[in-house]
Structure formats: structure tokens, C-alpha cells
Amino acid sequence: ALRADAERELDATVRPDERLPIAVNADSLATWVLPALDPLVQ
């Protein structure tokens, strides 16, 4: 996570294998999580 921050602040491209894992419950995923995170993913 810290490296992703540094790359972002340096305007570097986050590497394709740099995945940031978070855990969510299925009902939240089916209702509000995807719309909430969509701007960040885009």
C-alpha cells in the first residue's frame, strides 16, 4: 500500500501485478460496495 501511494504521488504507473486486497461480505458486495469503489477503479 505504501508503494502504491509513492507511485501515485510520483505520477508513476501502478504495475499490473500490484493488487490491493480488501475483504467484504457478499451482501455488501451485491448492494453498495461496487458503486462506492467504482470511481477509484475507473
PDB file of all heavy atoms in Angstrom:
ATOM      1  N   ALA A   1       0.825  -1.209   0.000  1.00  0.00           N
ATOM      2  CA  ALA A   1       0.000   0.000   0.000  1.00  0.00           C
ATOM      3  C   ALA A   1       0.859   1.258   0.000  1.00  0.00           C
ATOM      4  O   ALA A   1       0.561   2.226  -0.713  1.00  0.00           O
ATOM      5  CB  ALA A   1      -0.932  -0.005   1.212  1.00  0.00           C
ATOM      6  N   LEU A   2       1.932   1.268   0.776  1.00  0.00           N
ATOM      7  CA  LEU A   2       2.812   2.436   0.813  1.00  0.00           C
ATOM      8  C   LEU A   2       3.492   2.658  -0.536  1.00  0.00           C
ATOM      9  O   LEU A   2       3.653   3.800  -0.984  1.00  0.00           O
ATOM     10  CB  LEU A   2       3.866   2.252   1.914  1.00  0.00           C
ATOM     11  CG  LEU A   2       3.350   2.358   3.345  1.00  0.00           C
ATOM     12  CD1 LEU A   2       4.431   1.929   4.323  1.00  0.00           C
ATOM     13  CD2 LEU A   2       2.886   3.779   3.646  1.00  0.00           C
ATOM     14  N   ARG A   3       3.861   1.579  -1.198  1.00  0.00           N
ATOM     15  CA  ARG A   3       4.492   1.723  -2.510  1.00  0.00           C
ATOM     16  C   ARG A   3       3.494   2.271  -3.530  1.00  0.00           C
ATOM     17  O   ARG A   3       3.838   3.116  -4.367  1.00  0.00           O
ATOM     18  CB  ARG A   3       5.052   0.384  -2.988  1.00  0.00           C
ATOM     19  CG  ARG A   3       5.786   0.509  -4.324  1.00  0.00           C
ATOM     20  CD  ARG A   3       6.529  -0.751  -4.662  1.00  0.00           C
ATOM     21  NE  ARG A   3       5.646  -1.885  -4.780  1.00  0.00           N
ATOM     22  CZ  ARG A   3       6.079  -3.137  -4.904  1.00  0.00           C
ATOM     23  NH1 ARG A   3       7.371  -3.392  -4.881  1.00  0.00           N
ATOM     24  NH2 ARG A   3       5.225  -4.123  -5.034  1.00  0.00           N
ATOM     25  N   ALA A   4       2.235   1.781  -3.442  1.00  0.00           N
ATOM     26  CA  ALA A   4       1.216   2.310  -4.348  1.00  0.00           C
ATOM     27  C   ALA A   4       1.018   3.801  -4.126  1.00  0.00           C
ATOM     28  O   ALA A   4       0.849   4.570  -5.079  1.00  0.00           O
ATOM     29  CB  ALA A   4      -0.092   1.563  -4.150  1.00  0.00           C
ATOM     30  N   ASP A   5       1.070   4.239  -2.860  1.00  0.00           N
ATOM     31  CA  ASP A   5       0.957   5.668  -2.561  1.00  0.00           C
ATOM     32  C   ASP A   5       2.107   6.448  -3.189  1.00  0.00           C
ATOM     33  O   ASP A   5       1.916   7.506  -3.788  1.00  0.00           O
ATOM     34  CB  ASP A   5       0.954   5.898  -1.051  1.00  0.00           C
ATOM     35  CG  ASP A   5      -0.368   5.531  -0.406  1.00  0.00           C
ATOM     36  OD1 ASP A   5      -1.341   5.300  -1.152  1.00  0.00           O
ATOM     37  OD2 ASP A   5      -0.421   5.478   0.827  1.00  0.00           O
ATOM     38  N   ALA A   6       3.334   5.916  -3.014  1.00  0.00           N
ATOM     39  CA  ALA A   6       4.502   6.615  -3.538  1.00  0.00           C
ATOM     40  C   ALA A   6       4.442   6.711  -5.054  1.00  0.00           C
ATOM     41  O   ALA A   6       4.742   7.772  -5.640  1.00  0.00           O
ATOM     42  CB  ALA A   6       5.778   5.892  -3.102  1.00  0.00           C
ATOM     43  N   GLU A   7       4.062   5.617  -5.701  1.00  0.00           N
ATOM     44  CA  GLU A   7       3.974   5.633  -7.160  1.00  0.00           C
ATOM     45  C   GLU A   7       2.920   6.627  -7.638  1.00  0.00           C
ATOM     46  O   GLU A   7       3.119   7.334  -8.632  1.00  0.00           O
ATOM     47  CB  GLU A   7       3.663   4.224  -7.673  1.00  0.00           C
ATOM     48  CG  GLU A   7       4.818   3.257  -7.497  1.00  0.00           C
ATOM     49  CD  GLU A   7       4.452   1.824  -7.847  1.00  0.00           C
ATOM     50  OE1 GLU A   7       3.252   1.502  -7.852  1.00  0.00           O
ATOM     51  OE2 GLU A   7       5.372   1.038  -8.104  1.00  0.00           O
ATOM     52  N   ARG A   8       1.829   6.714  -6.893  1.00  0.00           N
ATOM     53  CA  ARG A   8       0.778   7.654  -7.278  1.00  0.00           C
ATOM     54  C   ARG A   8       1.265   9.097  -7.116  1.00  0.00           C
ATOM     55  O   ARG A   8       1.028   9.942  -7.975  1.00  0.00           O
ATOM     56  CB  ARG A   8      -0.475   7.408  -6.431  1.00  0.00           C
ATOM     57  CG  ARG A   8      -1.625   8.330  -6.794  1.00  0.00           C
ATOM     58  CD  ARG A   8      -2.875   7.982  -5.992  1.00  0.00           C
ATOM     59  NE  ARG A   8      -3.956   8.895  -6.316  1.00  0.00           N
ATOM     60  CZ  ARG A   8      -4.745   8.765  -7.365  1.00  0.00           C
ATOM     61  NH1 ARG A   8      -4.578   7.751  -8.196  1.00  0.00           N
ATOM     62  NH2 ARG A   8      -5.702   9.638  -7.599  1.00  0.00           N
ATOM     63  N   GLU A   9       1.921   9.373  -5.988  1.00  0.00           N
ATOM     64  CA  GLU A   9       2.395  10.732  -5.743  1.00  0.00           C
ATOM     65  C   GLU A   9       3.488  11.143  -6.727  1.00  0.00           C
ATOM     66  O   GLU A   9       3.644  12.318  -7.051  1.00  0.00           O
ATOM     67  CB  GLU A   9       2.909  10.851  -4.309  1.00  0.00           C
ATOM     68  CG  GLU A   9       1.791  10.779  -3.279  1.00  0.00           C
ATOM     69  CD  GLU A   9       2.289  10.972  -1.868  1.00  0.00           C
ATOM     70  OE1 GLU A   9       3.369  11.576  -1.699  1.00  0.00           O
ATOM     71  OE2 GLU A   9       1.613  10.525  -0.920  1.00  0.00           O
ATOM     72  N   LEU A  10       4.242  10.150  -7.205  1.00  0.00           N
ATOM     73  CA  LEU A  10       5.287  10.434  -8.192  1.00  0.00           C
ATOM     74  C   LEU A  10       4.752  10.377  -9.616  1.00  0.00           C
ATOM     75  O   LEU A  10       5.514  10.478 -10.574  1.00  0.00           O
ATOM     76  CB  LEU A  10       6.433   9.432  -8.034  1.00  0.00           C
ATOM     77  CG  LEU A  10       7.245   9.556  -6.741  1.00  0.00           C
ATOM     78  CD1 LEU A  10       8.191   8.377  -6.596  1.00  0.00           C
ATOM     79  CD2 LEU A  10       8.023  10.870  -6.710  1.00  0.00           C
ATOM     80  N   ASP A  11       3.434  10.170  -9.724  1.00  0.00           N
ATOM     81  CA  ASP A  11       2.775  10.073 -11.025  1.00  0.00           C
ATOM     82  C   ASP A  11       3.297   8.894 -11.822  1.00  0.00           C
ATOM     83  O   ASP A  11       3.385   8.926 -13.051  1.00  0.00           O
ATOM     84  CB  ASP A  11       2.936  11.370 -11.833  1.00  0.00           C
ATOM     85  CG  ASP A  11       1.904  11.463 -12.950  1.00  0.00           C
ATOM     86  OD1 ASP A  11       0.829  10.859 -12.796  1.00  0.00           O
ATOM     87  OD2 ASP A  11       2.181  12.117 -13.967  1.00  0.00           O
ATOM     88  N   ALA A  12       3.676   7.838 -11.086  1.00  0.00           N
ATOM     89  CA  ALA A  12       4.149   6.626 -11.758  1.00  0.00           C
ATOM     90  C   ALA A  12       2.945   5.724 -12.032  1.00  0.00           C
ATOM     91  O   ALA A  12       1.887   5.855 -11.438  1.00  0.00           O
ATOM     92  CB  ALA A  12       5.163   5.885 -10.878  1.00  0.00           C
ATOM     93  N   THR A  13       3.113   4.805 -12.938  1.00  0.00           N
ATOM     94  CA  THR A  13       2.051   3.857 -13.277  1.00  0.00           C
ATOM     95  C   THR A  13       2.129   2.668 -12.337  1.00  0.00           C
ATOM     96  O   THR A  13       3.169   2.033 -12.208  1.00  0.00           O
ATOM     97  CB  THR A  13       2.204   3.360 -14.723  1.00  0.00           C
ATOM     98  OG1 THR A  13       2.139   4.491 -15.597  1.00  0.00           O
ATOM     99  CG2 THR A  13       1.093   2.386 -15.065  1.00  0.00           C
ATOM    100  N   VAL A  14       1.027   2.390 -11.649  1.00  0.00           N
ATOM    101  CA  VAL A  14       0.997   1.222 -10.770  1.00  0.00           C
ATOM    102  C   VAL A  14       1.110  -0.034 -11.611  1.00  0.00           C
ATOM    103  O   VAL A  14       0.414  -0.196 -12.598  1.00  0.00           O
ATOM    104  CB  VAL A  14      -0.314   1.193  -9.950  1.00  0.00           C
ATOM    105  CG1 VAL A  14      -0.355  -0.026  -9.046  1.00  0.00           C
ATOM    106  CG2 VAL A  14      -0.429   2.466  -9.121  1.00  0.00           C
ATOM    107  N   ARG A  15       2.006  -0.916 -11.242  1.00  0.00           N
ATOM    108  CA  ARG A  15       2.268  -2.099 -12.041  1.00  0.00           C
ATOM    109  C   ARG A  15       1.064  -3.031 -12.076  1.00  0.00           C
ATOM    110  O   ARG A  15       0.312  -3.107 -11.116  1.00  0.00           O
ATOM    111  CB  ARG A  15       3.484  -2.843 -11.476  1.00  0.00           C
ATOM    112  CG  ARG A  15       4.742  -2.009 -11.526  1.00  0.00           C
ATOM    113  CD  ARG A  15       5.895  -2.751 -10.903  1.00  0.00           C
ATOM    114  NE  ARG A  15       5.549  -3.215  -9.568  1.00  0.00           N
ATOM    115  CZ  ARG A  15       6.276  -4.102  -8.905  1.00  0.00           C
ATOM    116  NH1 ARG A  15       7.339  -4.633  -9.450  1.00  0.00           N
ATOM    117  NH2 ARG A  15       5.927  -4.470  -7.697  1.00  0.00           N
ATOM    118  N   PRO A  16       0.872  -3.769 -13.182  1.00  0.00           N
ATOM    119  CA  PRO A  16      -0.305  -4.620 -13.324  1.00  0.00           C
ATOM    120  C   PRO A  16      -0.448  -5.669 -12.224  1.00  0.00           C
ATOM    121  O   PRO A  16      -1.538  -6.131 -11.970  1.00  0.00           O
ATOM    122  CB  PRO A  16      -0.095  -5.273 -14.689  1.00  0.00           C
ATOM    123  CG  PRO A  16       0.762  -4.319 -15.445  1.00  0.00           C
ATOM    124  CD  PRO A  16       1.674  -3.716 -14.421  1.00  0.00           C
ATOM    125  N   ASP A  17       0.668  -6.076 -11.573  1.00  0.00           N
ATOM    126  CA  ASP A  17       0.555  -7.128 -10.556  1.00  0.00           C
ATOM    127  C   ASP A  17       0.371  -6.561  -9.158  1.00  0.00           C
ATOM    128  O   ASP A  17       0.378  -7.302  -8.186  1.00  0.00           O
ATOM    129  CB  ASP A  17       1.791  -8.033 -10.587  1.00  0.00           C
ATOM    130  CG  ASP A  17       3.080  -7.279 -10.280  1.00  0.00           C
ATOM    131  OD1 ASP A  17       3.032  -6.045 -10.190  1.00  0.00           O
ATOM    132  OD2 ASP A  17       4.118  -7.936 -10.133  1.00  0.00           O
ATOM    133  N   GLU A  18       0.226  -5.254  -9.016  1.00  0.00           N
ATOM    134  CA  GLU A  18       0.102  -4.640  -7.693  1.00  0.00           C
ATOM    135  C   GLU A  18      -1.362  -4.580  -7.285  1.00  0.00           C
ATOM    136  O   GLU A  18      -2.056  -3.589  -7.472  1.00  0.00           O
ATOM    137  CB  GLU A  18       0.707  -3.233  -7.712  1.00  0.00           C
ATOM    138  CG  GLU A  18       0.932  -2.650  -6.324  1.00  0.00           C
ATOM    139  CD  GLU A  18       1.914  -3.474  -5.518  1.00  0.00           C
ATOM    140  OE1 GLU A  18       3.117  -3.277  -5.670  1.00  0.00           O
ATOM    141  OE2 GLU A  18       1.455  -4.336  -4.750  1.00  0.00           O
ATOM    142  N   ARG A  19      -1.851  -5.671  -6.718  1.00  0.00           N
ATOM    143  CA  ARG A  19      -3.247  -5.753  -6.305  1.00  0.00           C
ATOM    144  C   ARG A  19      -3.340  -5.477  -4.813  1.00  0.00           C
ATOM    145  O   ARG A  19      -2.539  -5.978  -4.029  1.00  0.00           O
ATOM    146  CB  ARG A  19      -3.811  -7.137  -6.614  1.00  0.00           C
ATOM    147  CG  ARG A  19      -3.783  -7.483  -8.085  1.00  0.00           C
ATOM    148  CD  ARG A  19      -4.291  -8.880  -8.345  1.00  0.00           C
ATOM    149  NE  ARG A  19      -3.504  -9.893  -7.656  1.00  0.00           N
ATOM    150  CZ  ARG A  19      -3.512 -11.188  -7.967  1.00  0.00           C
ATOM    151  NH1 ARG A  19      -4.268 -11.603  -8.962  1.00  0.00           N
ATOM    152  NH2 ARG A  19      -2.785 -12.040  -7.307  1.00  0.00           N
ATOM    153  N   LEU A  20      -4.316  -4.683  -4.438  1.00  0.00           N
ATOM    154  CA  LEU A  20      -4.512  -4.336  -3.037  1.00  0.00           C
ATOM    155  C   LEU A  20      -5.740  -5.088  -2.523  1.00  0.00           C
ATOM    156  O   LEU A  20      -6.868  -4.786  -2.919  1.00  0.00           O
ATOM    157  CB  LEU A  20      -4.703  -2.827  -2.892  1.00  0.00           C
ATOM    158  CG  LEU A  20      -3.531  -1.986  -3.412  1.00  0.00           C
ATOM    159  CD1 LEU A  20      -3.851  -0.505  -3.296  1.00  0.00           C
ATOM    160  CD2 LEU A  20      -2.254  -2.319  -2.659  1.00  0.00           C
ATOM    161  N   PRO A  21      -5.550  -6.074  -1.646  1.00  0.00           N
ATOM    162  CA  PRO A  21      -6.676  -6.917  -1.219  1.00  0.00           C
ATOM    163  C   PRO A  21      -7.457  -6.312  -0.059  1.00  0.00           C
ATOM    164  O   PRO A  21      -6.887  -5.846   0.930  1.00  0.00           O
ATOM    165  CB  PRO A  21      -5.985  -8.214  -0.786  1.00  0.00           C
ATOM    166  CG  PRO A  21      -4.635  -7.769  -0.304  1.00  0.00           C
ATOM    167  CD  PRO A  21      -4.266  -6.572  -1.132  1.00  0.00           C
ATOM    168  N   ILE A  22      -8.781  -6.320  -0.168  1.00  0.00           N
ATOM    169  CA  ILE A  22      -9.657  -5.966   0.935  1.00  0.00           C
ATOM    170  C   ILE A  22     -10.753  -7.023   1.013  1.00  0.00           C
ATOM    171  O   ILE A  22     -11.119  -7.620   0.004  1.00  0.00           O
ATOM    172  CB  ILE A  22     -10.258  -4.555   0.806  1.00  0.00           C
ATOM    173  CG1 ILE A  22     -11.158  -4.447  -0.421  1.00  0.00           C
ATOM    174  CG2 ILE A  22      -9.164  -3.505   0.761  1.00  0.00           C
ATOM    175  CD1 ILE A  22     -11.900  -3.129  -0.502  1.00  0.00           C
ATOM    176  N   ALA A  23     -11.260  -7.259   2.219  1.00  0.00           N
ATOM    177  CA  ALA A  23     -12.280  -8.291   2.433  1.00  0.00           C
ATOM    178  C   ALA A  23     -13.633  -7.633   2.664  1.00  0.00           C
ATOM    179  O   ALA A  23     -13.752  -6.687   3.451  1.00  0.00           O
ATOM    180  CB  ALA A  23     -11.909  -9.171   3.628  1.00  0.00           C
ATOM    181  N   VAL A  24     -14.653  -8.148   1.995  1.00  0.00           N
ATOM    182  CA  VAL A  24     -16.011  -7.629   2.144  1.00  0.00           C
ATOM    183  C   VAL A  24     -16.979  -8.803   2.245  1.00  0.00           C
ATOM    184  O   VAL A  24     -16.682  -9.910   1.803  1.00  0.00           O
ATOM    185  CB  VAL A  24     -16.410  -6.719   0.961  1.00  0.00           C
ATOM    186  CG1 VAL A  24     -15.459  -5.537   0.840  1.00  0.00           C
ATOM    187  CG2 VAL A  24     -16.439  -7.504  -0.344  1.00  0.00           C
ATOM    188  N   ASN A  25     -18.136  -8.546   2.818  1.00  0.00           N
ATOM    189  CA  ASN A  25     -19.158  -9.587   2.861  1.00  0.00           C
ATOM    190  C   ASN A  25     -19.970  -9.575   1.571  1.00  0.00           C
ATOM    191  O   ASN A  25     -20.061  -8.563   0.876  1.00  0.00           O
ATOM    192  CB  ASN A  25     -20.059  -9.412   4.075  1.00  0.00           C
ATOM    193  CG  ASN A  25     -20.755  -8.063   4.104  1.00  0.00           C
ATOM    194  OD1 ASN A  25     -20.105  -7.032   4.001  1.00  0.00           O
ATOM    195  ND2 ASN A  25     -22.064  -8.065   4.239  1.00  0.00           N
ATOM    196  N   ALA A  26     -20.556 -10.707   1.251  1.00  0.00           N
ATOM    197  CA  ALA A  26     -21.229 -10.876  -0.038  1.00  0.00           C
ATOM    198  C   ALA A  26     -22.402  -9.917  -0.209  1.00  0.00           C
ATOM    199  O   ALA A  26     -22.628  -9.391  -1.302  1.00  0.00           O
ATOM    200  CB  ALA A  26     -21.708 -12.322  -0.185  1.00  0.00           C
ATOM    201  N   ASP A  27     -23.164  -9.675   0.857  1.00  0.00           N
ATOM    202  CA  ASP A  27     -24.327  -8.800   0.723  1.00  0.00           C
ATOM    203  C   ASP A  27     -23.924  -7.354   0.462  1.00  0.00           C
ATOM    204  O   ASP A  27     -24.595  -6.646  -0.296  1.00  0.00           O
ATOM    205  CB  ASP A  27     -25.202  -8.899   1.972  1.00  0.00           C
ATOM    206  CG  ASP A  27     -25.928 -10.227   2.066  1.00  0.00           C
ATOM    207  OD1 ASP A  27     -26.095 -10.883   1.023  1.00  0.00           O
ATOM    208  OD2 ASP A  27     -26.321 -10.617   3.184  1.00  0.00           O
ATOM    209  N   SER A  28     -22.845  -6.910   1.078  1.00  0.00           N
ATOM    210  CA  SER A  28     -22.355  -5.560   0.789  1.00  0.00           C
ATOM    211  C   SER A  28     -21.851  -5.483  -0.644  1.00  0.00           C
ATOM    212  O   SER A  28     -22.081  -4.487  -1.342  1.00  0.00           O
ATOM    213  CB  SER A  28     -21.236  -5.177   1.765  1.00  0.00           C
ATOM    214  OG  SER A  28     -21.739  -4.986   3.069  1.00  0.00           O
ATOM    215  N   LEU A  29     -21.177  -6.535  -1.086  1.00  0.00           N
ATOM    216  CA  LEU A  29     -20.682  -6.559  -2.466  1.00  0.00           C
ATOM    217  C   LEU A  29     -21.838  -6.495  -3.452  1.00  0.00           C
ATOM    218  O   LEU A  29     -21.746  -5.852  -4.500  1.00  0.00           O
ATOM    219  CB  LEU A  29     -19.863  -7.828  -2.691  1.00  0.00           C
ATOM    220  CG  LEU A  29     -19.133  -7.948  -4.032  1.00  0.00           C
ATOM    221  CD1 LEU A  29     -18.106  -6.849  -4.209  1.00  0.00           C
ATOM    222  CD2 LEU A  29     -18.472  -9.312  -4.154  1.00  0.00           C
ATOM    223  N   ALA A  30     -22.954  -7.128  -3.120  1.00  0.00           N
ATOM    224  CA  ALA A  30     -24.100  -7.185  -4.026  1.00  0.00           C
ATOM    225  C   ALA A  30     -24.940  -5.913  -4.002  1.00  0.00           C
ATOM    226  O   ALA A  30     -25.809  -5.742  -4.859  1.00  0.00           O
ATOM    227  CB  ALA A  30     -24.986  -8.383  -3.671  1.00  0.00           C
ATOM    228  N   THR A  31     -24.683  -5.022  -3.039  1.00  0.00           N
ATOM    229  CA  THR A  31     -25.544  -3.839  -2.912  1.00  0.00           C
ATOM    230  C   THR A  31     -24.785  -2.529  -3.102  1.00  0.00           C
ATOM    231  O   THR A  31     -25.033  -1.801  -4.055  1.00  0.00           O
ATOM    232  CB  THR A  31     -26.259  -3.844  -1.547  1.00  0.00           C
ATOM    233  OG1 THR A  31     -25.307  -4.053  -0.490  1.00  0.00           O
ATOM    234  CG2 THR A  31     -27.307  -4.954  -1.492  1.00  0.00           C
ATOM    235  N   TRP A  32     -23.827  -2.218  -2.230  1.00  0.00           N
ATOM    236  CA  TRP A  32     -23.273  -0.861  -2.253  1.00  0.00           C
ATOM    237  C   TRP A  32     -21.766  -0.768  -2.502  1.00  0.00           C
ATOM    238  O   TRP A  32     -21.270   0.310  -2.853  1.00  0.00           O
ATOM    239  CB  TRP A  32     -23.592  -0.158  -0.930  1.00  0.00           C
ATOM    240  CG  TRP A  32     -23.019  -0.830   0.285  1.00  0.00           C
ATOM    241  CD1 TRP A  32     -23.609  -1.785   1.048  1.00  0.00           C
ATOM    242  CD2 TRP A  32     -21.734  -0.612   0.870  1.00  0.00           C
ATOM    243  NE1 TRP A  32     -22.774  -2.195   2.070  1.00  0.00           N
ATOM    244  CE2 TRP A  32     -21.628  -1.471   1.990  1.00  0.00           C
ATOM    245  CE3 TRP A  32     -20.668   0.238   0.579  1.00  0.00           C
ATOM    246  CZ2 TRP A  32     -20.500  -1.511   2.803  1.00  0.00           C
ATOM    247  CZ3 TRP A  32     -19.535   0.209   1.389  1.00  0.00           C
ATOM    248  CH2 TRP A  32     -19.459  -0.670   2.484  1.00  0.00           C
ATOM    249  N   VAL A  33     -21.016  -1.852  -2.350  1.00  0.00           N
ATOM    250  CA  VAL A  33     -19.554  -1.768  -2.437  1.00  0.00           C
ATOM    251  C   VAL A  33     -19.070  -1.411  -3.839  1.00  0.00           C
ATOM    252  O   VAL A  33     -18.199  -0.544  -4.015  1.00  0.00           O
ATOM    253  CB  VAL A  33     -18.896  -3.074  -1.942  1.00  0.00           C
ATOM    254  CG1 VAL A  33     -17.424  -3.148  -2.375  1.00  0.00           C
ATOM    255  CG2 VAL A  33     -18.972  -3.160  -0.419  1.00  0.00           C
ATOM    256  N   LEU A  34     -19.595  -2.093  -4.862  1.00  0.00           N
ATOM    257  CA  LEU A  34     -19.107  -1.820  -6.221  1.00  0.00           C
ATOM    258  C   LEU A  34     -19.371  -0.375  -6.644  1.00  0.00           C
ATOM    259  O   LEU A  34     -18.459   0.287  -7.158  1.00  0.00           O
ATOM    260  CB  LEU A  34     -19.724  -2.807  -7.209  1.00  0.00           C
ATOM    261  CG  LEU A  34     -19.263  -4.263  -7.077  1.00  0.00           C
ATOM    262  CD1 LEU A  34     -19.896  -5.105  -8.182  1.00  0.00           C
ATOM    263  CD2 LEU A  34     -17.750  -4.385  -7.127  1.00  0.00           C
ATOM    264  N   PRO A  35     -20.580   0.173  -6.470  1.00  0.00           N
ATOM    265  CA  PRO A  35     -20.766   1.592  -6.811  1.00  0.00           C
ATOM    266  C   PRO A  35     -19.861   2.523  -6.012  1.00  0.00           C
ATOM    267  O   PRO A  35     -19.381   3.538  -6.537  1.00  0.00           O
ATOM    268  CB  PRO A  35     -22.244   1.838  -6.483  1.00  0.00           C
ATOM    269  CG  PRO A  35     -22.885   0.501  -6.571  1.00  0.00           C
ATOM    270  CD  PRO A  35     -21.850  -0.471  -6.091  1.00  0.00           C
ATOM    271  N   ALA A  36     -19.605   2.174  -4.743  1.00  0.00           N
ATOM    272  CA  ALA A  36     -18.750   3.029  -3.927  1.00  0.00           C
ATOM    273  C   ALA A  36     -17.313   3.063  -4.441  1.00  0.00           C
ATOM    274  O   ALA A  36     -16.667   4.114  -4.453  1.00  0.00           O
ATOM    275  CB  ALA A  36     -18.776   2.538  -2.474  1.00  0.00           C
ATOM    276  N   LEU A  37     -16.818   1.920  -4.881  1.00  0.00           N
ATOM    277  CA  LEU A  37     -15.425   1.819  -5.313  1.00  0.00           C
ATOM    278  C   LEU A  37     -15.221   2.127  -6.790  1.00  0.00           C
ATOM    279  O   LEU A  37     -14.083   2.276  -7.242  1.00  0.00           O
ATOM    280  CB  LEU A  37     -14.880   0.421  -5.013  1.00  0.00           C
ATOM    281  CG  LEU A  37     -14.753   0.049  -3.534  1.00  0.00           C
ATOM    282  CD1 LEU A  37     -14.310  -1.402  -3.399  1.00  0.00           C
ATOM    283  CD2 LEU A  37     -13.770   0.977  -2.816  1.00  0.00           C
ATOM    284  N   ASP A  38     -16.305   2.206  -7.538  1.00  0.00           N
ATOM    285  CA  ASP A  38     -16.187   2.375  -8.985  1.00  0.00           C
ATOM    286  C   ASP A  38     -15.332   3.579  -9.400  1.00  0.00           C
ATOM    287  O   ASP A  38     -14.489   3.443 -10.297  1.00  0.00           O
ATOM    288  CB  ASP A  38     -17.575   2.467  -9.618  1.00  0.00           C
ATOM    289  CG  ASP A  38     -17.501   2.567 -11.127  1.00  0.00           C
ATOM    290  OD1 ASP A  38     -16.972   1.632 -11.754  1.00  0.00           O
ATOM    291  OD2 ASP A  38     -17.965   3.580 -11.686  1.00  0.00           O
ATOM    292  N   PRO A  39     -15.480   4.767  -8.792  1.00  0.00           N
ATOM    293  CA  PRO A  39     -14.629   5.884  -9.210  1.00  0.00           C
ATOM    294  C   PRO A  39     -13.136   5.601  -9.041  1.00  0.00           C
ATOM    295  O   PRO A  39     -12.318   6.024  -9.870  1.00  0.00           O
ATOM    296  CB  PRO A  39     -15.083   7.038  -8.306  1.00  0.00           C
ATOM    297  CG  PRO A  39     -16.480   6.693  -7.938  1.00  0.00           C
ATOM    298  CD  PRO A  39     -16.486   5.198  -7.807  1.00  0.00           C
ATOM    299  N   LEU A  40     -12.765   4.871  -7.995  1.00  0.00           N
ATOM    300  CA  LEU A  40     -11.355   4.547  -7.769  1.00  0.00           C
ATOM    301  C   LEU A  40     -10.855   3.550  -8.807  1.00  0.00           C
ATOM    302  O   LEU A  40      -9.736   3.662  -9.301  1.00  0.00           O
ATOM    303  CB  LEU A  40     -11.153   3.983  -6.363  1.00  0.00           C
ATOM    304  CG  LEU A  40     -11.584   4.860  -5.191  1.00  0.00           C
ATOM    305  CD1 LEU A  40     -11.227   4.194  -3.879  1.00  0.00           C
ATOM    306  CD2 LEU A  40     -10.952   6.234  -5.280  1.00  0.00           C
ATOM    307  N   VAL A  41     -11.683   2.560  -9.114  1.00  0.00           N
ATOM    308  CA  VAL A  41     -11.300   1.565 -10.116  1.00  0.00           C
ATOM    309  C   VAL A  41     -11.177   2.223 -11.483  1.00  0.00           C
ATOM    310  O   VAL A  41     -10.226   1.951 -12.240  1.00  0.00           O
ATOM    311  CB  VAL A  41     -12.325   0.414 -10.147  1.00  0.00           C
ATOM    312  CG1 VAL A  41     -12.044  -0.542 -11.307  1.00  0.00           C
ATOM    313  CG2 VAL A  41     -12.299  -0.352  -8.822  1.00  0.00           C
ATOM    314  N   GLN A  42     -12.114   3.098 -11.814  1.00  0.00           N
ATOM    315  CA  GLN A  42     -12.037   3.800 -13.100  1.00  0.00           C
ATOM    316  C   GLN A  42     -10.804   4.690 -13.174  1.00  0.00           C
ATOM    317  O   GLN A  42     -10.286   4.962 -14.266  1.00  0.00           O
ATOM    318  CB  GLN A  42     -13.303   4.638 -13.321  1.00  0.00           C
ATOM    319  CG  GLN A  42     -14.597   3.851 -13.377  1.00  0.00           C
ATOM    320  CD  GLN A  42     -14.621   2.826 -14.510  1.00  0.00           C
ATOM    321  OE1 GLN A  42     -13.918   2.956 -15.508  1.00  0.00           O
ATOM    322  NE2 GLN A  42     -15.434   1.784 -14.347  1.00  0.00           N
TER     323      GLN A  42
END
